[in-house]
Amino acid sequence: NAKNTLYLQMNSLKPEDTAVYYCNAHSSYRGDY
């Protein structure tokens, strides 16, 4: 939180993990975003 950063540590990677990885944030503040 201090760095405003989200992480995904990925170990034991497999070929089927190959993809474009997207970060997502959801907000329900004054709507649904």
PDB file of all heavy atoms in Angstrom:
ATOM      1  N   ASN A   1       0.810  -1.213   0.000  1.00  0.00           N
ATOM      2  CA  ASN A   1       0.000   0.000   0.000  1.00  0.00           C
ATOM      3  C   ASN A   1       0.848   1.269   0.000  1.00  0.00           C
ATOM      4  O   ASN A   1       0.468   2.276  -0.603  1.00  0.00           O
ATOM      5  CB  ASN A   1      -0.939   0.006   1.204  1.00  0.00           C
ATOM      6  CG  ASN A   1      -2.040  -1.025   1.094  1.00  0.00           C
ATOM      7  OD1 ASN A   1      -2.433  -1.427  -0.004  1.00  0.00           O
ATOM      8  ND2 ASN A   1      -2.559  -1.457   2.235  1.00  0.00           N
ATOM      9  N   ALA A   2       1.977   1.223   0.678  1.00  0.00           N
ATOM     10  CA  ALA A   2       2.843   2.396   0.732  1.00  0.00           C
ATOM     11  C   ALA A   2       3.383   2.758  -0.640  1.00  0.00           C
ATOM     12  O   ALA A   2       3.651   3.929  -0.923  1.00  0.00           O
ATOM     13  CB  ALA A   2       3.989   2.164   1.707  1.00  0.00           C
ATOM     14  N   LYS A   3       3.556   1.761  -1.485  1.00  0.00           N
ATOM     15  CA  LYS A   3       4.072   1.988  -2.825  1.00  0.00           C
ATOM     16  C   LYS A   3       2.987   2.004  -3.889  1.00  0.00           C
ATOM     17  O   LYS A   3       3.290   2.162  -5.070  1.00  0.00           O
ATOM     18  CB  LYS A   3       5.104   0.916  -3.176  1.00  0.00           C
ATOM     19  CG  LYS A   3       6.339   0.932  -2.299  1.00  0.00           C
ATOM     20  CD  LYS A   3       7.323  -0.147  -2.727  1.00  0.00           C
ATOM     21  CE  LYS A   3       8.572  -0.111  -1.870  1.00  0.00           C
ATOM     22  NZ  LYS A   3       9.541  -1.171  -2.263  1.00  0.00           N
ATOM     23  N   ASN A   4       1.736   1.815  -3.469  1.00  0.00           N
ATOM     24  CA  ASN A   4       0.609   1.762  -4.400  1.00  0.00           C
ATOM     25  C   ASN A   4       0.860   0.754  -5.515  1.00  0.00           C
ATOM     26  O   ASN A   4       0.607   1.025  -6.696  1.00  0.00           O
ATOM     27  CB  ASN A   4       0.329   3.146  -4.988  1.00  0.00           C
ATOM     28  CG  ASN A   4      -0.088   4.154  -3.944  1.00  0.00           C
ATOM     29  OD1 ASN A   4      -0.773   3.813  -2.982  1.00  0.00           O
ATOM     30  ND2 ASN A   4       0.313   5.401  -4.130  1.00  0.00           N
ATOM     31  N   THR A   5       1.335  -0.401  -5.125  1.00  0.00           N
ATOM     32  CA  THR A   5       1.745  -1.397  -6.096  1.00  0.00           C
ATOM     33  C   THR A   5       1.163  -2.762  -5.765  1.00  0.00           C
ATOM     34  O   THR A   5       1.175  -3.192  -4.610  1.00  0.00           O
ATOM     35  CB  THR A   5       3.275  -1.493  -6.172  1.00  0.00           C
ATOM     36  OG1 THR A   5       3.813  -0.214  -6.525  1.00  0.00           O
ATOM     37  CG2 THR A   5       3.703  -2.503  -7.220  1.00  0.00           C
ATOM     38  N   LEU A   6       0.667  -3.414  -6.783  1.00  0.00           N
ATOM     39  CA  LEU A   6       0.164  -4.780  -6.713  1.00  0.00           C
ATOM     40  C   LEU A   6       1.196  -5.699  -7.349  1.00  0.00           C
ATOM     41  O   LEU A   6       1.825  -5.342  -8.346  1.00  0.00           O
ATOM     42  CB  LEU A   6      -1.158  -4.872  -7.465  1.00  0.00           C
ATOM     43  CG  LEU A   6      -1.846  -6.235  -7.514  1.00  0.00           C
ATOM     44  CD1 LEU A   6      -2.489  -6.552  -6.165  1.00  0.00           C
ATOM     45  CD2 LEU A   6      -2.892  -6.253  -8.618  1.00  0.00           C
ATOM     46  N   TYR A   7       1.343  -6.889  -6.781  1.00  0.00           N
ATOM     47  CA  TYR A   7       2.318  -7.843  -7.283  1.00  0.00           C
ATOM     48  C   TYR A   7       1.669  -9.186  -7.583  1.00  0.00           C
ATOM     49  O   TYR A   7       0.656  -9.559  -6.985  1.00  0.00           O
ATOM     50  CB  TYR A   7       3.432  -8.075  -6.263  1.00  0.00           C
ATOM     51  CG  TYR A   7       4.183  -6.837  -5.869  1.00  0.00           C
ATOM     52  CD1 TYR A   7       3.885  -6.162  -4.692  1.00  0.00           C
ATOM     53  CD2 TYR A   7       5.211  -6.346  -6.668  1.00  0.00           C
ATOM     54  CE1 TYR A   7       4.580  -5.028  -4.320  1.00  0.00           C
ATOM     55  CE2 TYR A   7       5.909  -5.211  -6.310  1.00  0.00           C
ATOM     56  CZ  TYR A   7       5.596  -4.556  -5.138  1.00  0.00           C
ATOM     57  OH  TYR A   7       6.287  -3.428  -4.771  1.00  0.00           O
ATOM     58  N   LEU A   8       2.283  -9.891  -8.487  1.00  0.00           N
ATOM     59  CA  LEU A   8       1.957 -11.287  -8.702  1.00  0.00           C
ATOM     60  C   LEU A   8       3.267 -12.054  -8.806  1.00  0.00           C
ATOM     61  O   LEU A   8       3.980 -11.929  -9.803  1.00  0.00           O
ATOM     62  CB  LEU A   8       1.118 -11.495  -9.966  1.00  0.00           C
ATOM     63  CG  LEU A   8       0.655 -12.929 -10.213  1.00  0.00           C
ATOM     64  CD1 LEU A   8      -0.361 -13.349  -9.146  1.00  0.00           C
ATOM     65  CD2 LEU A   8       0.056 -13.083 -11.606  1.00  0.00           C
ATOM     66  N   GLN A   9       3.575 -12.807  -7.766  1.00  0.00           N
ATOM     67  CA  GLN A   9       4.747 -13.664  -7.777  1.00  0.00           C
ATOM     68  C   GLN A   9       4.357 -14.979  -8.427  1.00  0.00           C
ATOM     69  O   GLN A   9       3.442 -15.658  -7.960  1.00  0.00           O
ATOM     70  CB  GLN A   9       5.251 -13.907  -6.354  1.00  0.00           C
ATOM     71  CG  GLN A   9       6.456 -14.832  -6.274  1.00  0.00           C
ATOM     72  CD  GLN A   9       7.692 -14.251  -6.905  1.00  0.00           C
ATOM     73  OE1 GLN A   9       8.027 -13.098  -6.655  1.00  0.00           O
ATOM     74  NE2 GLN A   9       8.369 -15.034  -7.735  1.00  0.00           N
ATOM     75  N   MET A  10       5.046 -15.336  -9.483  1.00  0.00           N
ATOM     76  CA  MET A  10       4.736 -16.534 -10.241  1.00  0.00           C
ATOM     77  C   MET A  10       5.929 -17.473 -10.173  1.00  0.00           C
ATOM     78  O   MET A  10       7.017 -17.145 -10.653  1.00  0.00           O
ATOM     79  CB  MET A  10       4.402 -16.192 -11.689  1.00  0.00           C
ATOM     80  CG  MET A  10       3.269 -15.184 -11.833  1.00  0.00           C
ATOM     81  SD  MET A  10       2.786 -14.918 -13.560  1.00  0.00           S
ATOM     82  CE  MET A  10       4.284 -14.138 -14.171  1.00  0.00           C
ATOM     83  N   ASN A  11       5.722 -18.625  -9.579  1.00  0.00           N
ATOM     84  CA  ASN A  11       6.753 -19.642  -9.463  1.00  0.00           C
ATOM     85  C   ASN A  11       6.337 -20.893 -10.222  1.00  0.00           C
ATOM     86  O   ASN A  11       5.168 -21.083 -10.548  1.00  0.00           O
ATOM     87  CB  ASN A  11       6.996 -19.986  -7.995  1.00  0.00           C
ATOM     88  CG  ASN A  11       7.469 -18.817  -7.174  1.00  0.00           C
ATOM     89  OD1 ASN A  11       8.220 -17.962  -7.664  1.00  0.00           O
ATOM     90  ND2 ASN A  11       7.067 -18.770  -5.913  1.00  0.00           N
ATOM     91  N   SER A  12       7.303 -21.746 -10.468  1.00  0.00           N
ATOM     92  CA  SER A  12       7.051 -23.010 -11.156  1.00  0.00           C
ATOM     93  C   SER A  12       6.236 -22.808 -12.414  1.00  0.00           C
ATOM     94  O   SER A  12       5.251 -23.501 -12.675  1.00  0.00           O
ATOM     95  CB  SER A  12       6.343 -23.993 -10.208  1.00  0.00           C
ATOM     96  OG  SER A  12       7.113 -24.229  -9.052  1.00  0.00           O
ATOM     97  N   LEU A  13       6.652 -21.863 -13.209  1.00  0.00           N
ATOM     98  CA  LEU A  13       5.891 -21.493 -14.392  1.00  0.00           C
ATOM     99  C   LEU A  13       5.840 -22.618 -15.412  1.00  0.00           C
ATOM    100  O   LEU A  13       6.805 -23.369 -15.573  1.00  0.00           O
ATOM    101  CB  LEU A  13       6.471 -20.237 -15.022  1.00  0.00           C
ATOM    102  CG  LEU A  13       6.104 -18.949 -14.285  1.00  0.00           C
ATOM    103  CD1 LEU A  13       7.051 -17.820 -14.663  1.00  0.00           C
ATOM    104  CD2 LEU A  13       4.661 -18.558 -14.597  1.00  0.00           C
ATOM    105  N   LYS A  14       4.710 -22.707 -16.075  1.00  0.00           N
ATOM    106  CA  LYS A  14       4.448 -23.718 -17.072  1.00  0.00           C
ATOM    107  C   LYS A  14       4.162 -23.054 -18.413  1.00  0.00           C
ATOM    108  O   LYS A  14       3.715 -21.907 -18.453  1.00  0.00           O
ATOM    109  CB  LYS A  14       3.246 -24.572 -16.662  1.00  0.00           C
ATOM    110  CG  LYS A  14       3.374 -25.232 -15.310  1.00  0.00           C
ATOM    111  CD  LYS A  14       2.084 -25.947 -14.929  1.00  0.00           C
ATOM    112  CE  LYS A  14       2.196 -26.601 -13.573  1.00  0.00           C
ATOM    113  NZ  LYS A  14       0.929 -27.286 -13.186  1.00  0.00           N
ATOM    114  N   PRO A  15       4.384 -23.750 -19.509  1.00  0.00           N
ATOM    115  CA  PRO A  15       4.061 -23.165 -20.817  1.00  0.00           C
ATOM    116  C   PRO A  15       2.625 -22.670 -20.916  1.00  0.00           C
ATOM    117  O   PRO A  15       2.375 -21.656 -21.580  1.00  0.00           O
ATOM    118  CB  PRO A  15       4.331 -24.310 -21.791  1.00  0.00           C
ATOM    119  CG  PRO A  15       5.398 -25.105 -21.125  1.00  0.00           C
ATOM    120  CD  PRO A  15       5.066 -25.053 -19.655  1.00  0.00           C
ATOM    121  N   GLU A  16       1.697 -23.344 -20.260  1.00  0.00           N
ATOM    122  CA  GLU A  16       0.314 -22.926 -20.311  1.00  0.00           C
ATOM    123  C   GLU A  16       0.042 -21.637 -19.549  1.00  0.00           C
ATOM    124  O   GLU A  16      -1.064 -21.097 -19.612  1.00  0.00           O
ATOM    125  CB  GLU A  16      -0.620 -24.045 -19.813  1.00  0.00           C
ATOM    126  CG  GLU A  16      -0.198 -24.659 -18.500  1.00  0.00           C
ATOM    127  CD  GLU A  16       0.604 -25.943 -18.690  1.00  0.00           C
ATOM    128  OE1 GLU A  16       1.535 -25.951 -19.515  1.00  0.00           O
ATOM    129  OE2 GLU A  16       0.285 -26.945 -18.007  1.00  0.00           O
ATOM    130  N   ASP A  17       1.031 -21.134 -18.821  1.00  0.00           N
ATOM    131  CA  ASP A  17       0.910 -19.828 -18.189  1.00  0.00           C
ATOM    132  C   ASP A  17       1.195 -18.691 -19.160  1.00  0.00           C
ATOM    133  O   ASP A  17       1.014 -17.524 -18.806  1.00  0.00           O
ATOM    134  CB  ASP A  17       1.860 -19.712 -16.994  1.00  0.00           C
ATOM    135  CG  ASP A  17       1.523 -20.680 -15.876  1.00  0.00           C
ATOM    136  OD1 ASP A  17       0.325 -20.855 -15.570  1.00  0.00           O
ATOM    137  OD2 ASP A  17       2.469 -21.260 -15.299  1.00  0.00           O
ATOM    138  N   THR A  18       1.654 -19.019 -20.345  1.00  0.00           N
ATOM    139  CA  THR A  18       1.960 -18.004 -21.338  1.00  0.00           C
ATOM    140  C   THR A  18       0.706 -17.216 -21.689  1.00  0.00           C
ATOM    141  O   THR A  18      -0.315 -17.781 -22.074  1.00  0.00           O
ATOM    142  CB  THR A  18       2.542 -18.646 -22.603  1.00  0.00           C
ATOM    143  OG1 THR A  18       3.796 -19.254 -22.290  1.00  0.00           O
ATOM    144  CG2 THR A  18       2.758 -17.611 -23.696  1.00  0.00           C
ATOM    145  N   ALA A  19       0.784 -15.918 -21.548  1.00  0.00           N
ATOM    146  CA  ALA A  19      -0.362 -15.044 -21.787  1.00  0.00           C
ATOM    147  C   ALA A  19       0.068 -13.600 -21.594  1.00  0.00           C
ATOM    148  O   ALA A  19       1.159 -13.320 -21.091  1.00  0.00           O
ATOM    149  CB  ALA A  19      -1.506 -15.375 -20.825  1.00  0.00           C
ATOM    150  N   VAL A  20      -0.811 -12.710 -21.995  1.00  0.00           N
ATOM    151  CA  VAL A  20      -0.685 -11.326 -21.581  1.00  0.00           C
ATOM    152  C   VAL A  20      -1.390 -11.197 -20.240  1.00  0.00           C
ATOM    153  O   VAL A  20      -2.554 -11.587 -20.103  1.00  0.00           O
ATOM    154  CB  VAL A  20      -1.297 -10.355 -22.602  1.00  0.00           C
ATOM    155  CG1 VAL A  20      -1.212  -8.919 -22.097  1.00  0.00           C
ATOM    156  CG2 VAL A  20      -0.588 -10.488 -23.943  1.00  0.00           C
ATOM    157  N   TYR A  21      -0.694 -10.663 -19.269  1.00  0.00           N
ATOM    158  CA  TYR A  21      -1.237 -10.511 -17.933  1.00  0.00           C
ATOM    159  C   TYR A  21      -1.653  -9.070 -17.710  1.00  0.00           C
ATOM    160  O   TYR A  21      -0.884  -8.139 -17.961  1.00  0.00           O
ATOM    161  CB  TYR A  21      -0.204 -10.931 -16.882  1.00  0.00           C
ATOM    162  CG  TYR A  21      -0.077 -12.427 -16.756  1.00  0.00           C
ATOM    163  CD1 TYR A  21       0.524 -13.171 -17.766  1.00  0.00           C
ATOM    164  CD2 TYR A  21      -0.578 -13.102 -15.647  1.00  0.00           C
ATOM    165  CE1 TYR A  21       0.622 -14.552 -17.672  1.00  0.00           C
ATOM    166  CE2 TYR A  21      -0.480 -14.476 -15.543  1.00  0.00           C
ATOM    167  CZ  TYR A  21       0.120 -15.201 -16.558  1.00  0.00           C
ATOM    168  OH  TYR A  21       0.220 -16.569 -16.449  1.00  0.00           O
ATOM    169  N   TYR A  22      -2.871  -8.904 -17.229  1.00  0.00           N
ATOM    170  CA  TYR A  22      -3.452  -7.589 -17.032  1.00  0.00           C
ATOM    171  C   TYR A  22      -3.742  -7.337 -15.560  1.00  0.00           C
ATOM    172  O   TYR A  22      -4.288  -8.202 -14.871  1.00  0.00           O
ATOM    173  CB  TYR A  22      -4.768  -7.452 -17.800  1.00  0.00           C
ATOM    174  CG  TYR A  22      -4.634  -7.574 -19.295  1.00  0.00           C
ATOM    175  CD1 TYR A  22      -4.768  -8.799 -19.925  1.00  0.00           C
ATOM    176  CD2 TYR A  22      -4.387  -6.451 -20.073  1.00  0.00           C
ATOM    177  CE1 TYR A  22      -4.657  -8.912 -21.296  1.00  0.00           C
ATOM    178  CE2 TYR A  22      -4.280  -6.550 -21.446  1.00  0.00           C
ATOM    179  CZ  TYR A  22      -4.413  -7.783 -22.052  1.00  0.00           C
ATOM    180  OH  TYR A  22      -4.305  -7.882 -23.417  1.00  0.00           O
ATOM    181  N   CYS A  23      -3.412  -6.167 -15.122  1.00  0.00           N
ATOM    182  CA  CYS A  23      -3.786  -5.708 -13.798  1.00  0.00           C
ATOM    183  C   CYS A  23      -5.182  -5.102 -13.862  1.00  0.00           C
ATOM    184  O   CYS A  23      -5.516  -4.391 -14.814  1.00  0.00           O
ATOM    185  CB  CYS A  23      -2.773  -4.666 -13.322  1.00  0.00           C
ATOM    186  SG  CYS A  23      -3.066  -4.002 -11.675  1.00  0.00           S
ATOM    187  N   ASN A  24      -5.983  -5.388 -12.853  1.00  0.00           N
ATOM    188  CA  ASN A  24      -7.353  -4.905 -12.797  1.00  0.00           C
ATOM    189  C   ASN A  24      -7.648  -4.305 -11.434  1.00  0.00           C
ATOM    190  O   ASN A  24      -7.195  -4.811 -10.405  1.00  0.00           O
ATOM    191  CB  ASN A  24      -8.328  -6.053 -13.075  1.00  0.00           C
ATOM    192  CG  ASN A  24      -9.763  -5.706 -12.720  1.00  0.00           C
ATOM    193  OD1 ASN A  24     -10.232  -6.014 -11.619  1.00  0.00           O
ATOM    194  ND2 ASN A  24     -10.459  -5.077 -13.644  1.00  0.00           N
ATOM    195  N   ALA A  25      -8.403  -3.237 -11.437  1.00  0.00           N
ATOM    196  CA  ALA A  25      -8.918  -2.660 -10.206  1.00  0.00           C
ATOM    197  C   ALA A  25     -10.407  -2.448 -10.357  1.00  0.00           C
ATOM    198  O   ALA A  25     -10.864  -1.939 -11.389  1.00  0.00           O
ATOM    199  CB  ALA A  25      -8.227  -1.338  -9.894  1.00  0.00           C
ATOM    200  N   HIS A  26     -11.155  -2.855  -9.351  1.00  0.00           N
ATOM    201  CA  HIS A  26     -12.595  -2.686  -9.375  1.00  0.00           C
ATOM    202  C   HIS A  26     -13.018  -1.649  -8.360  1.00  0.00           C
ATOM    203  O   HIS A  26     -12.504  -1.616  -7.239  1.00  0.00           O
ATOM    204  CB  HIS A  26     -13.309  -4.005  -9.082  1.00  0.00           C
ATOM    205  CG  HIS A  26     -14.799  -3.872  -9.113  1.00  0.00           C
ATOM    206  ND1 HIS A  26     -15.550  -3.687  -7.972  1.00  0.00           N
ATOM    207  CD2 HIS A  26     -15.676  -3.873 -10.145  1.00  0.00           C
ATOM    208  CE1 HIS A  26     -16.823  -3.577  -8.298  1.00  0.00           C
ATOM    209  NE2 HIS A  26     -16.924  -3.688  -9.608  1.00  0.00           N
ATOM    210  N   SER A  27     -13.958  -0.821  -8.765  1.00  0.00           N
ATOM    211  CA  SER A  27     -14.493   0.198  -7.877  1.00  0.00           C
ATOM    212  C   SER A  27     -16.006   0.222  -7.972  1.00  0.00           C
ATOM    213  O   SER A  27     -16.571   0.158  -9.069  1.00  0.00           O
ATOM    214  CB  SER A  27     -13.940   1.576  -8.237  1.00  0.00           C
ATOM    215  OG  SER A  27     -14.558   2.581  -7.453  1.00  0.00           O
ATOM    216  N   SER A  28     -16.659   0.303  -6.817  1.00  0.00           N
ATOM    217  CA  SER A  28     -18.103   0.486  -6.770  1.00  0.00           C
ATOM    218  C   SER A  28     -18.463   1.890  -6.292  1.00  0.00           C
ATOM    219  O   SER A  28     -19.613   2.152  -5.950  1.00  0.00           O
ATOM    220  CB  SER A  28     -18.746  -0.561  -5.861  1.00  0.00           C
ATOM    221  OG  SER A  28     -18.226  -0.487  -4.545  1.00  0.00           O
ATOM    222  N   TYR A  29     -17.492   2.774  -6.289  1.00  0.00           N
ATOM    223  CA  TYR A  29     -17.703   4.143  -5.861  1.00  0.00           C
ATOM    224  C   TYR A  29     -18.445   4.907  -6.949  1.00  0.00           C
ATOM    225  O   TYR A  29     -17.944   5.084  -8.055  1.00  0.00           O
ATOM    226  CB  TYR A  29     -16.364   4.812  -5.554  1.00  0.00           C
ATOM    227  CG  TYR A  29     -16.460   6.254  -5.133  1.00  0.00           C
ATOM    228  CD1 TYR A  29     -17.015   6.605  -3.913  1.00  0.00           C
ATOM    229  CD2 TYR A  29     -15.984   7.270  -5.951  1.00  0.00           C
ATOM    230  CE1 TYR A  29     -17.099   7.928  -3.516  1.00  0.00           C
ATOM    231  CE2 TYR A  29     -16.058   8.591  -5.570  1.00  0.00           C
ATOM    232  CZ  TYR A  29     -16.618   8.920  -4.352  1.00  0.00           C
ATOM    233  OH  TYR A  29     -16.690  10.236  -3.965  1.00  0.00           O
ATOM    234  N   ARG A  30     -19.663   5.324  -6.608  1.00  0.00           N
ATOM    235  CA  ARG A  30     -20.499   6.092  -7.522  1.00  0.00           C
ATOM    236  C   ARG A  30     -20.709   5.367  -8.846  1.00  0.00           C
ATOM    237  O   ARG A  30     -20.736   5.970  -9.917  1.00  0.00           O
ATOM    238  CB  ARG A  30     -19.922   7.488  -7.757  1.00  0.00           C
ATOM    239  CG  ARG A  30     -19.912   8.349  -6.505  1.00  0.00           C
ATOM    240  CD  ARG A  30     -19.445   9.763  -6.805  1.00  0.00           C
ATOM    241  NE  ARG A  30     -19.515  10.609  -5.623  1.00  0.00           N
ATOM    242  CZ  ARG A  30     -19.196  11.895  -5.613  1.00  0.00           C
ATOM    243  NH1 ARG A  30     -18.792  12.490  -6.732  1.00  0.00           N
ATOM    244  NH2 ARG A  30     -19.281  12.587  -4.488  1.00  0.00           N
ATOM    245  N   GLY A  31     -20.862   4.058  -8.747  1.00  0.00           N
ATOM    246  CA  GLY A  31     -21.083   3.272  -9.938  1.00  0.00           C
ATOM    247  C   GLY A  31     -20.429   1.917  -9.821  1.00  0.00           C
ATOM    248  O   GLY A  31     -20.269   1.368  -8.729  1.00  0.00           O
ATOM    249  N   ASP A  32     -20.071   1.378 -10.960  1.00  0.00           N
ATOM    250  CA  ASP A  32     -19.449   0.066 -11.017  1.00  0.00           C
ATOM    251  C   ASP A  32     -18.412   0.120 -12.131  1.00  0.00           C
ATOM    252  O   ASP A  32     -18.767   0.140 -13.312  1.00  0.00           O
ATOM    253  CB  ASP A  32     -20.502  -1.004 -11.297  1.00  0.00           C
ATOM    254  CG  ASP A  32     -19.992  -2.405 -11.079  1.00  0.00           C
ATOM    255  OD1 ASP A  32     -18.822  -2.577 -10.701  1.00  0.00           O
ATOM    256  OD2 ASP A  32     -20.783  -3.349 -11.295  1.00  0.00           O
ATOM    257  N   TYR A  33     -17.149   0.146 -11.745  1.00  0.00           N
ATOM    258  CA  TYR A  33     -16.082   0.385 -12.707  1.00  0.00           C
ATOM    259  C   TYR A  33     -14.993  -0.663 -12.616  1.00  0.00           C
ATOM    260  O   TYR A  33     -14.677  -1.161 -11.536  1.00  0.00           O
ATOM    261  CB  TYR A  33     -15.447   1.762 -12.473  1.00  0.00           C
ATOM    262  CG  TYR A  33     -16.418   2.911 -12.561  1.00  0.00           C
ATOM    263  CD1 TYR A  33     -17.001   3.432 -11.411  1.00  0.00           C
ATOM    264  CD2 TYR A  33     -16.740   3.479 -13.786  1.00  0.00           C
ATOM    265  CE1 TYR A  33     -17.889   4.497 -11.480  1.00  0.00           C
ATOM    266  CE2 TYR A  33     -17.626   4.535 -13.866  1.00  0.00           C
ATOM    267  CZ  TYR A  33     -18.196   5.043 -12.714  1.00  0.00           C
ATOM    268  OH  TYR A  33     -19.070   6.099 -12.794  1.00  0.00           O
TER     269      TYR A  33
END
